[in-house]
Amino acid sequence: MRLSRKKQPPEISAYIGAGLKLEGELVFSGRIRFEGELSGRIRGESIVVGDTGVLKGEIQAEEVVCFGKLEGIIRVRHLDLRSSGFVRGEIFTERLTVEEGARIEGTIKVEEGQIPVSGGVPEAP
């Protein structure tokens, strides 16, 4: 008998700590965790927004797991909004997971194959 294992999330390759505020554009590959704040544009593979994390602006990624706050235009293949998460803005996604207690203000458009994410690895600007 073969036991199936749940796919493990990728390791965190970068960490933005609480108290750190960034403004501008961030392009990355791998998985990044935000406990601080970013205002601007963020584009990459996988984003974890921690309880104290705040992302404002244009967000484009393969996957976003949100325990904190997202505001703006969010284009993501899979948005996983946890019970402490809050999203305000326009959400474009192929797959949406929302835990009880999470809050959403804005519009949600769910369309298969319509989210423009370039293979998960963004091109350098």
N, C-alpha and C. Protein backbone atom coordinates (compact mmCIF):
# COMPACT_ATOMS: atom_id res chain seq x y z
N MET A 1 0.85 -1.18 0.00
CA MET A 1 0.00 0.00 0.00
C MET A 1 0.89 1.24 0.00
N ARG A 2 0.57 2.18 -0.83
CA ARG A 2 1.33 3.41 -0.95
C ARG A 2 0.59 4.55 -0.26
N LEU A 3 1.29 5.23 0.62
CA LEU A 3 0.68 6.37 1.31
C LEU A 3 0.97 7.64 0.52
N SER A 4 -0.06 8.43 0.29
CA SER A 4 0.16 9.69 -0.40
C SER A 4 0.47 10.78 0.64
N ARG A 5 1.39 11.62 0.28
CA ARG A 5 1.76 12.73 1.15
C ARG A 5 1.30 14.02 0.52
N LYS A 6 0.90 14.92 1.37
CA LYS A 6 0.52 16.24 0.91
C LYS A 6 1.75 16.96 0.38
N LYS A 7 1.60 17.66 -0.70
CA LYS A 7 2.71 18.41 -1.27
C LYS A 7 3.14 19.49 -0.28
N GLN A 8 4.43 19.50 0.02
CA GLN A 8 4.97 20.48 0.95
C GLN A 8 5.17 21.82 0.24
N PRO A 9 4.83 22.93 0.90
CA PRO A 9 5.07 24.23 0.27
C PRO A 9 6.57 24.48 0.16
N PRO A 10 6.97 25.27 -0.84
CA PRO A 10 8.40 25.56 -0.99
C PRO A 10 8.93 26.33 0.22
N GLU A 11 10.23 26.18 0.46
CA GLU A 11 10.86 26.90 1.57
C GLU A 11 10.83 28.39 1.31
N ILE A 12 10.83 29.15 2.39
CA ILE A 12 10.87 30.61 2.29
C ILE A 12 12.28 31.01 1.83
N SER A 13 12.37 31.76 0.73
CA SER A 13 13.67 32.18 0.21
C SER A 13 14.00 33.62 0.61
N ALA A 14 12.99 34.38 1.07
CA ALA A 14 13.22 35.75 1.53
C ALA A 14 12.18 36.10 2.59
N TYR A 15 12.56 37.02 3.48
CA TYR A 15 11.68 37.39 4.59
C TYR A 15 11.74 38.91 4.77
N ILE A 16 10.57 39.54 4.80
CA ILE A 16 10.46 40.97 5.08
C ILE A 16 9.82 41.08 6.46
N GLY A 17 10.61 41.48 7.45
CA GLY A 17 10.18 41.46 8.84
C GLY A 17 9.24 42.59 9.22
N ALA A 18 8.54 42.39 10.34
CA ALA A 18 7.63 43.39 10.89
C ALA A 18 8.43 44.66 11.18
N GLY A 19 7.83 45.80 10.93
CA GLY A 19 8.50 47.07 11.16
C GLY A 19 9.24 47.59 9.95
N LEU A 20 9.44 46.76 8.93
CA LEU A 20 10.13 47.17 7.71
C LEU A 20 9.09 47.63 6.70
N LYS A 21 9.26 48.84 6.16
CA LYS A 21 8.34 49.39 5.16
C LYS A 21 9.12 49.63 3.88
N LEU A 22 8.61 49.08 2.79
CA LEU A 22 9.24 49.22 1.48
C LEU A 22 8.27 49.90 0.53
N GLU A 23 8.84 50.65 -0.43
CA GLU A 23 8.03 51.29 -1.45
C GLU A 23 8.74 51.10 -2.78
N GLY A 24 8.00 50.69 -3.81
CA GLY A 24 8.61 50.50 -5.12
C GLY A 24 8.17 49.22 -5.77
N GLU A 25 9.09 48.61 -6.52
CA GLU A 25 8.79 47.40 -7.27
C GLU A 25 9.69 46.26 -6.80
N LEU A 26 9.08 45.09 -6.59
CA LEU A 26 9.82 43.91 -6.16
C LEU A 26 9.48 42.77 -7.11
N VAL A 27 10.52 42.21 -7.75
CA VAL A 27 10.38 41.08 -8.66
C VAL A 27 11.26 39.97 -8.11
N PHE A 28 10.72 38.75 -7.99
CA PHE A 28 11.49 37.67 -7.37
C PHE A 28 11.03 36.32 -7.88
N SER A 29 11.85 35.31 -7.61
CA SER A 29 11.44 33.92 -7.82
C SER A 29 11.53 33.24 -6.46
N GLY A 30 10.90 32.09 -6.32
CA GLY A 30 10.87 31.41 -5.03
C GLY A 30 9.69 31.87 -4.19
N ARG A 31 9.84 31.73 -2.88
CA ARG A 31 8.76 32.06 -1.94
C ARG A 31 9.25 33.13 -0.97
N ILE A 32 8.44 34.17 -0.79
CA ILE A 32 8.77 35.27 0.10
C ILE A 32 7.69 35.41 1.15
N ARG A 33 8.11 35.75 2.37
CA ARG A 33 7.15 35.96 3.46
C ARG A 33 7.23 37.42 3.90
N PHE A 34 6.05 38.06 4.00
CA PHE A 34 5.94 39.45 4.43
C PHE A 34 5.32 39.53 5.80
N GLU A 35 6.02 40.13 6.72
CA GLU A 35 5.45 40.54 8.01
C GLU A 35 5.45 42.06 8.07
N GLY A 36 6.22 42.68 7.18
CA GLY A 36 6.29 44.14 7.08
C GLY A 36 5.31 44.65 6.05
N GLU A 37 5.63 45.82 5.45
CA GLU A 37 4.73 46.46 4.48
C GLU A 37 5.45 46.73 3.18
N LEU A 38 4.70 46.61 2.08
CA LEU A 38 5.19 46.99 0.77
C LEU A 38 4.08 47.74 0.05
N SER A 39 4.42 48.91 -0.47
CA SER A 39 3.51 49.69 -1.32
C SER A 39 4.15 49.77 -2.69
N GLY A 40 3.44 49.37 -3.72
CA GLY A 40 3.97 49.43 -5.07
C GLY A 40 3.56 48.23 -5.88
N ARG A 41 4.54 47.64 -6.58
CA ARG A 41 4.28 46.46 -7.43
C ARG A 41 5.11 45.29 -6.93
N ILE A 42 4.48 44.13 -6.88
CA ILE A 42 5.20 42.92 -6.50
C ILE A 42 4.82 41.82 -7.49
N ARG A 43 5.85 41.12 -7.99
CA ARG A 43 5.62 40.08 -8.98
C ARG A 43 6.56 38.92 -8.70
N GLY A 44 6.00 37.72 -8.58
CA GLY A 44 6.83 36.56 -8.30
C GLY A 44 6.05 35.27 -8.25
N GLU A 45 6.69 34.25 -7.67
CA GLU A 45 6.09 32.93 -7.64
C GLU A 45 5.10 32.75 -6.49
N SER A 46 5.61 32.79 -5.27
CA SER A 46 4.78 32.46 -4.10
C SER A 46 4.99 33.49 -3.00
N ILE A 47 3.88 33.99 -2.47
CA ILE A 47 3.92 35.03 -1.44
C ILE A 47 3.12 34.56 -0.24
N VAL A 48 3.71 34.71 0.95
CA VAL A 48 2.99 34.49 2.20
C VAL A 48 2.92 35.84 2.89
N VAL A 49 1.70 36.31 3.14
CA VAL A 49 1.50 37.56 3.87
C VAL A 49 1.15 37.16 5.29
N GLY A 50 2.09 37.41 6.22
CA GLY A 50 1.89 37.03 7.62
C GLY A 50 0.87 37.91 8.31
N ASP A 51 0.59 37.60 9.57
CA ASP A 51 -0.43 38.33 10.34
C ASP A 51 -0.21 39.85 10.35
N THR A 52 1.04 40.30 10.40
CA THR A 52 1.32 41.74 10.44
C THR A 52 1.68 42.29 9.07
N GLY A 53 1.65 41.44 8.04
CA GLY A 53 2.03 41.85 6.69
C GLY A 53 0.96 42.66 5.99
N VAL A 54 1.41 43.65 5.19
CA VAL A 54 0.51 44.50 4.41
C VAL A 54 1.13 44.69 3.02
N LEU A 55 0.40 44.32 1.98
CA LEU A 55 0.82 44.57 0.61
C LEU A 55 -0.23 45.47 -0.04
N LYS A 56 0.23 46.61 -0.59
CA LYS A 56 -0.67 47.56 -1.24
C LYS A 56 -0.15 47.85 -2.63
N GLY A 57 -1.04 47.76 -3.61
CA GLY A 57 -0.64 48.09 -4.97
C GLY A 57 -1.05 47.02 -5.94
N GLU A 58 -0.13 46.69 -6.85
CA GLU A 58 -0.38 45.68 -7.87
C GLU A 58 0.39 44.42 -7.50
N ILE A 59 -0.33 43.32 -7.33
CA ILE A 59 0.26 42.06 -6.88
C ILE A 59 0.01 41.01 -7.95
N GLN A 60 1.09 40.36 -8.41
CA GLN A 60 0.97 39.32 -9.44
C GLN A 60 1.83 38.14 -9.02
N ALA A 61 1.21 36.95 -8.90
CA ALA A 61 1.96 35.79 -8.45
C ALA A 61 1.23 34.50 -8.84
N GLU A 62 1.97 33.40 -8.72
CA GLU A 62 1.36 32.09 -8.90
C GLU A 62 0.45 31.78 -7.72
N GLU A 63 0.94 32.07 -6.50
CA GLU A 63 0.21 31.72 -5.28
C GLU A 63 0.41 32.80 -4.23
N VAL A 64 -0.69 33.13 -3.53
CA VAL A 64 -0.62 34.03 -2.38
C VAL A 64 -1.40 33.38 -1.24
N VAL A 65 -0.73 33.24 -0.09
CA VAL A 65 -1.37 32.79 1.14
C VAL A 65 -1.42 34.01 2.04
N CYS A 66 -2.62 34.44 2.43
CA CYS A 66 -2.77 35.71 3.14
C CYS A 66 -3.36 35.52 4.53
N PHE A 67 -2.53 35.83 5.53
CA PHE A 67 -2.98 35.90 6.92
C PHE A 67 -3.17 37.36 7.32
N GLY A 68 -2.59 38.27 6.54
CA GLY A 68 -2.58 39.70 6.84
C GLY A 68 -3.51 40.49 5.94
N LYS A 69 -2.95 41.51 5.24
CA LYS A 69 -3.77 42.45 4.49
C LYS A 69 -3.24 42.65 3.07
N LEU A 70 -4.14 42.58 2.10
CA LEU A 70 -3.84 42.87 0.69
C LEU A 70 -4.77 43.98 0.23
N GLU A 71 -4.21 44.95 -0.49
CA GLU A 71 -5.04 46.02 -1.05
C GLU A 71 -4.56 46.33 -2.45
N GLY A 72 -5.49 46.44 -3.39
CA GLY A 72 -5.12 46.84 -4.74
C GLY A 72 -5.65 45.89 -5.79
N ILE A 73 -4.85 45.72 -6.85
CA ILE A 73 -5.19 44.82 -7.95
C ILE A 73 -4.38 43.56 -7.75
N ILE A 74 -5.06 42.45 -7.56
CA ILE A 74 -4.41 41.19 -7.23
C ILE A 74 -4.68 40.20 -8.35
N ARG A 75 -3.61 39.79 -9.05
CA ARG A 75 -3.70 38.80 -10.12
C ARG A 75 -2.88 37.60 -9.68
N VAL A 76 -3.57 36.51 -9.36
CA VAL A 76 -2.89 35.35 -8.79
C VAL A 76 -3.60 34.07 -9.22
N ARG A 77 -2.83 33.04 -9.54
CA ARG A 77 -3.46 31.78 -9.93
C ARG A 77 -4.23 31.16 -8.77
N HIS A 78 -3.64 31.17 -7.56
CA HIS A 78 -4.33 30.63 -6.39
C HIS A 78 -4.20 31.59 -5.23
N LEU A 79 -5.33 32.09 -4.75
CA LEU A 79 -5.37 32.95 -3.56
C LEU A 79 -5.96 32.13 -2.42
N ASP A 80 -5.17 32.00 -1.35
CA ASP A 80 -5.58 31.26 -0.15
C ASP A 80 -5.72 32.28 0.97
N LEU A 81 -6.94 32.68 1.26
CA LEU A 81 -7.21 33.71 2.26
C LEU A 81 -7.57 33.04 3.58
N ARG A 82 -6.71 33.21 4.57
CA ARG A 82 -6.89 32.58 5.86
C ARG A 82 -7.82 33.39 6.75
N SER A 83 -8.25 32.84 7.87
CA SER A 83 -9.29 33.45 8.71
C SER A 83 -8.93 34.85 9.19
N SER A 84 -7.66 35.16 9.38
CA SER A 84 -7.25 36.50 9.83
C SER A 84 -6.99 37.44 8.66
N GLY A 85 -7.13 36.95 7.43
CA GLY A 85 -6.80 37.74 6.24
C GLY A 85 -7.88 38.73 5.85
N PHE A 86 -7.42 39.80 5.18
CA PHE A 86 -8.31 40.85 4.68
C PHE A 86 -7.83 41.27 3.30
N VAL A 87 -8.75 41.32 2.34
CA VAL A 87 -8.43 41.76 0.99
C VAL A 87 -9.40 42.85 0.58
N ARG A 88 -8.83 43.96 0.02
CA ARG A 88 -9.66 45.04 -0.50
C ARG A 88 -9.15 45.37 -1.90
N GLY A 89 -10.05 45.31 -2.88
CA GLY A 89 -9.64 45.66 -4.24
C GLY A 89 -10.25 44.76 -5.28
N GLU A 90 -9.52 44.61 -6.38
CA GLU A 90 -9.95 43.77 -7.50
C GLU A 90 -9.11 42.50 -7.48
N ILE A 91 -9.79 41.36 -7.44
CA ILE A 91 -9.11 40.07 -7.40
C ILE A 91 -9.40 39.33 -8.70
N PHE A 92 -8.33 38.92 -9.38
CA PHE A 92 -8.42 38.10 -10.58
C PHE A 92 -7.69 36.81 -10.25
N THR A 93 -8.40 35.68 -10.26
CA THR A 93 -7.79 34.42 -9.84
C THR A 93 -8.40 33.24 -10.59
N GLU A 94 -7.66 32.14 -10.61
CA GLU A 94 -8.18 30.89 -11.16
C GLU A 94 -8.76 30.04 -10.05
N ARG A 95 -8.20 30.19 -8.84
CA ARG A 95 -8.65 29.38 -7.71
C ARG A 95 -8.63 30.22 -6.45
N LEU A 96 -9.72 30.18 -5.70
CA LEU A 96 -9.86 30.97 -4.49
C LEU A 96 -10.26 30.07 -3.33
N THR A 97 -9.50 30.17 -2.23
CA THR A 97 -9.82 29.45 -1.01
C THR A 97 -9.99 30.48 0.09
N VAL A 98 -11.13 30.43 0.79
CA VAL A 98 -11.41 31.41 1.84
C VAL A 98 -11.83 30.68 3.12
N GLU A 99 -11.06 30.90 4.19
CA GLU A 99 -11.42 30.33 5.49
C GLU A 99 -12.48 31.20 6.15
N GLU A 100 -13.27 30.57 7.00
CA GLU A 100 -14.28 31.29 7.76
C GLU A 100 -13.61 32.38 8.59
N GLY A 101 -14.16 33.60 8.54
CA GLY A 101 -13.62 34.73 9.28
C GLY A 101 -12.83 35.69 8.42
N ALA A 102 -12.36 35.24 7.26
CA ALA A 102 -11.63 36.12 6.34
C ALA A 102 -12.59 37.16 5.78
N ARG A 103 -12.03 38.32 5.40
CA ARG A 103 -12.87 39.41 4.87
C ARG A 103 -12.40 39.84 3.49
N ILE A 104 -13.39 40.10 2.63
CA ILE A 104 -13.11 40.57 1.27
C ILE A 104 -14.01 41.76 0.99
N GLU A 105 -13.41 42.86 0.49
CA GLU A 105 -14.16 44.02 0.03
C GLU A 105 -13.70 44.30 -1.39
N GLY A 106 -14.61 44.25 -2.33
CA GLY A 106 -14.22 44.52 -3.71
C GLY A 106 -14.85 43.53 -4.66
N THR A 107 -14.17 43.32 -5.78
CA THR A 107 -14.68 42.42 -6.81
C THR A 107 -13.76 41.21 -6.97
N ILE A 108 -14.38 40.11 -7.34
CA ILE A 108 -13.64 38.87 -7.57
C ILE A 108 -14.03 38.35 -8.95
N LYS A 109 -13.02 38.07 -9.76
CA LYS A 109 -13.27 37.47 -11.07
C LYS A 109 -12.47 36.19 -11.14
N VAL A 110 -13.17 35.06 -11.24
CA VAL A 110 -12.53 33.75 -11.28
C VAL A 110 -12.65 33.22 -12.70
N GLU A 111 -11.49 33.04 -13.36
CA GLU A 111 -11.49 32.52 -14.73
C GLU A 111 -10.33 31.56 -14.90
N GLU A 112 -10.61 30.40 -15.41
CA GLU A 112 -9.58 29.38 -15.66
C GLU A 112 -8.69 29.81 -16.83
N GLY A 113 -7.38 29.77 -16.61
CA GLY A 113 -6.41 30.04 -17.67
C GLY A 113 -6.31 31.48 -18.12
N GLN A 114 -6.85 32.42 -17.37
CA GLN A 114 -6.85 33.82 -17.79
C GLN A 114 -5.92 34.72 -17.00
N ILE A 115 -5.20 34.17 -16.02
CA ILE A 115 -4.35 34.99 -15.17
C ILE A 115 -2.97 35.07 -15.79
N PRO A 116 -2.51 36.26 -16.17
CA PRO A 116 -1.22 36.41 -16.86
C PRO A 116 -0.03 36.33 -15.91
N VAL A 117 0.39 35.09 -15.60
CA VAL A 117 1.59 34.87 -14.80
C VAL A 117 2.52 34.06 -15.67
N SER A 118 3.72 34.56 -15.92
CA SER A 118 4.63 33.94 -16.88
C SER A 118 5.39 32.76 -16.30
N GLY A 119 4.74 31.59 -16.24
CA GLY A 119 5.40 30.37 -15.81
C GLY A 119 5.93 30.37 -14.40
N GLY A 120 5.53 31.34 -13.58
CA GLY A 120 5.95 31.38 -12.20
C GLY A 120 7.27 32.06 -11.97
N VAL A 121 8.11 32.20 -12.98
CA VAL A 121 9.39 32.87 -12.79
C VAL A 121 9.36 34.16 -13.58
N PRO A 122 9.31 35.28 -12.89
CA PRO A 122 9.19 36.56 -13.59
C PRO A 122 10.47 36.92 -14.30
N GLU A 123 10.31 37.68 -15.38
CA GLU A 123 11.48 38.20 -16.08
C GLU A 123 12.02 39.39 -15.31
N ALA A 124 13.33 39.56 -15.34
CA ALA A 124 13.93 40.72 -14.67
C ALA A 124 13.51 41.97 -15.40
N PRO A 125 13.30 43.08 -14.66
CA PRO A 125 12.85 44.31 -15.30
C PRO A 125 13.92 44.89 -16.22
